[in-house]
């Protein structure tokens, strides 16, 4: 992760109360092991909830690294969005993620309990 994104990522994490922009599950910024213990999951499972900086408008489309263009997203949501050949806009992708969550088809069943710890 670019060091120039560290501050906007941290600020987005704080503003979003430690929740992923897309799936609204808790994410971690600096302490994977502590997060894993707190949520009774393995360190490998915790990795998918690592906080990443997500650009609302991609840099390749003229988006900047300014705070107003950065949200905090879990690694899984961020990577899954960018695996799509033509990623949908963030608001559309967020709706997709929320629909999948309601069906229990986004994160593995073993991780569905995470929101209960907030």
Protein backbone atom coordinates (compact mmCIF):
# COMPACT_ATOMS: atom_id res chain seq x y z
CA UNK A 1 0.00 0.00 0.00
CA UNK A 2 1.31 3.40 -0.92
CA UNK A 3 2.44 5.42 2.06
CA UNK A 4 0.67 8.46 0.59
CA UNK A 5 -2.60 6.56 1.06
CA UNK A 6 -1.91 5.72 4.71
CA UNK A 7 -3.37 8.93 6.09
CA UNK A 8 -6.53 8.99 3.91
CA UNK A 9 -7.07 5.27 4.61
CA UNK A 10 -6.73 5.81 8.37
CA UNK A 11 -9.05 8.79 8.27
CA UNK A 12 -11.67 6.86 6.26
CA UNK A 13 -11.36 3.98 8.74
CA UNK A 14 -12.04 6.40 11.61
CA UNK A 15 -14.94 8.17 9.86
CA UNK A 16 -16.56 4.84 9.02
CA UNK A 17 -16.19 3.62 12.61
CA UNK A 18 -14.01 0.70 11.50
CA UNK A 19 -16.59 -0.73 9.09
CA UNK A 20 -16.10 -1.65 5.43
CA UNK A 21 -17.72 0.79 3.02
CA UNK A 22 -19.26 -2.08 1.03
CA UNK A 23 -20.14 -4.93 3.39
CA UNK A 24 -20.36 -2.95 6.66
CA UNK A 25 -18.37 -5.67 8.48
CA UNK A 26 -15.65 -4.65 10.95
CA UNK A 27 -12.20 -4.16 9.47
CA UNK A 28 -8.76 -3.85 11.04
CA UNK A 29 -6.04 -1.32 10.41
CA UNK A 30 -2.97 -2.33 12.43
CA UNK A 31 -3.60 -5.45 14.51
CA UNK A 32 -4.65 -8.55 12.58
CA UNK A 33 -3.95 -10.90 15.49
CA UNK A 34 -5.95 -8.77 17.95
CA UNK A 35 -8.82 -8.55 15.44
CA UNK A 36 -8.74 -12.34 15.02
CA UNK A 37 -8.86 -12.92 18.77
CA UNK A 38 -11.61 -10.32 19.30
CA UNK A 39 -13.81 -11.92 16.64
CA UNK A 40 -12.86 -15.56 17.35
CA UNK A 41 -11.49 -16.19 13.86
CA UNK A 42 -8.13 -17.31 12.50
CA UNK A 43 -5.46 -14.87 11.36
CA UNK A 44 -5.99 -16.17 7.82
CA UNK A 45 -9.71 -15.37 8.05
CA UNK A 46 -8.90 -11.96 9.53
CA UNK A 47 -6.73 -11.08 6.52
CA UNK A 48 -9.81 -10.68 4.30
CA UNK A 49 -10.93 -7.86 6.64
CA UNK A 50 -7.71 -5.83 6.36
CA UNK A 51 -8.50 -2.16 5.78
CA UNK A 52 -7.65 -0.93 2.29
CA UNK A 53 -8.02 2.47 0.67
CA UNK A 54 -10.67 2.36 -2.04
CA UNK A 55 -10.90 5.16 -4.58
CA UNK A 56 -14.48 6.21 -5.27
CA UNK A 57 -13.30 7.51 -8.64
CA UNK A 58 -10.43 5.39 -9.93
CA UNK A 59 -7.10 7.07 -10.56
CA UNK A 60 -7.18 5.79 -14.14
CA UNK A 61 -10.44 7.73 -14.57
CA UNK A 62 -8.95 10.94 -13.18
CA UNK A 63 -9.64 10.28 -9.50
CA UNK A 64 -7.26 11.64 -6.91
CA UNK A 65 -5.75 10.39 -3.66
CA UNK A 66 -7.53 13.18 -1.75
CA UNK A 67 -9.51 12.26 1.34
CA UNK A 68 -12.81 13.07 -0.37
CA UNK A 69 -12.14 10.31 -2.92
CA UNK A 70 -11.04 7.61 -0.46
CA UNK A 71 -13.15 5.20 1.58
CA UNK A 72 -12.07 2.27 3.74
CA UNK A 73 -12.95 -1.17 2.37
CA UNK A 74 -12.04 -4.65 3.48
CA UNK A 75 -9.48 -6.42 1.34
CA UNK A 76 -12.06 -8.95 0.14
CA UNK A 77 -14.58 -6.36 -1.09
CA UNK A 78 -11.88 -4.22 -2.68
CA UNK A 79 -10.18 -7.09 -4.50
CA UNK A 80 -13.46 -8.67 -5.58
CA UNK A 81 -14.63 -5.40 -7.13
CA UNK A 82 -11.40 -4.98 -9.04
CA UNK A 83 -11.43 -8.54 -10.38
CA UNK A 84 -14.41 -7.52 -12.49
CA UNK A 85 -13.28 -6.57 -15.99
CA UNK A 86 -15.23 -3.31 -15.83
CA UNK A 87 -15.83 -2.62 -12.13
CA UNK A 88 -19.21 -1.02 -11.43
CA UNK A 89 -19.37 2.36 -9.73
CA UNK A 90 -18.92 2.11 -5.93
CA UNK A 91 -22.59 2.83 -5.15
CA UNK A 92 -23.76 0.11 -7.55
CA UNK A 93 -21.18 -2.36 -6.22
CA UNK A 94 -22.25 -1.56 -2.63
CA UNK A 95 -25.84 -2.47 -3.54
CA UNK A 96 -24.60 -5.73 -5.08
CA UNK A 97 -22.62 -6.59 -1.94
CA UNK A 98 -25.60 -5.80 0.31
CA UNK A 99 -27.91 -8.03 -1.78
CA UNK A 100 -25.38 -10.88 -1.56
CA UNK A 101 -25.00 -10.37 2.20
CA UNK A 102 -28.77 -10.62 2.70
CA UNK A 103 -28.66 -13.98 0.93
CA UNK A 104 -25.69 -15.09 3.06
CA UNK A 105 -23.50 -15.37 -0.03
CA UNK A 106 -20.72 -12.83 0.42
CA UNK A 107 -18.50 -13.87 3.30
CA UNK A 108 -18.23 -17.53 4.37
CA UNK A 109 -20.87 -18.66 6.86
CA UNK A 110 -18.18 -19.04 9.50
CA UNK A 111 -17.72 -15.24 9.37
CA UNK A 112 -21.36 -14.10 9.41
CA UNK A 113 -21.18 -13.44 13.14
CA UNK A 114 -18.66 -10.57 12.82
CA UNK A 115 -21.19 -7.74 12.96
CA UNK A 116 -22.50 -9.05 16.29
CA UNK A 117 -19.29 -7.88 18.00
CA UNK A 118 -19.90 -4.17 17.34
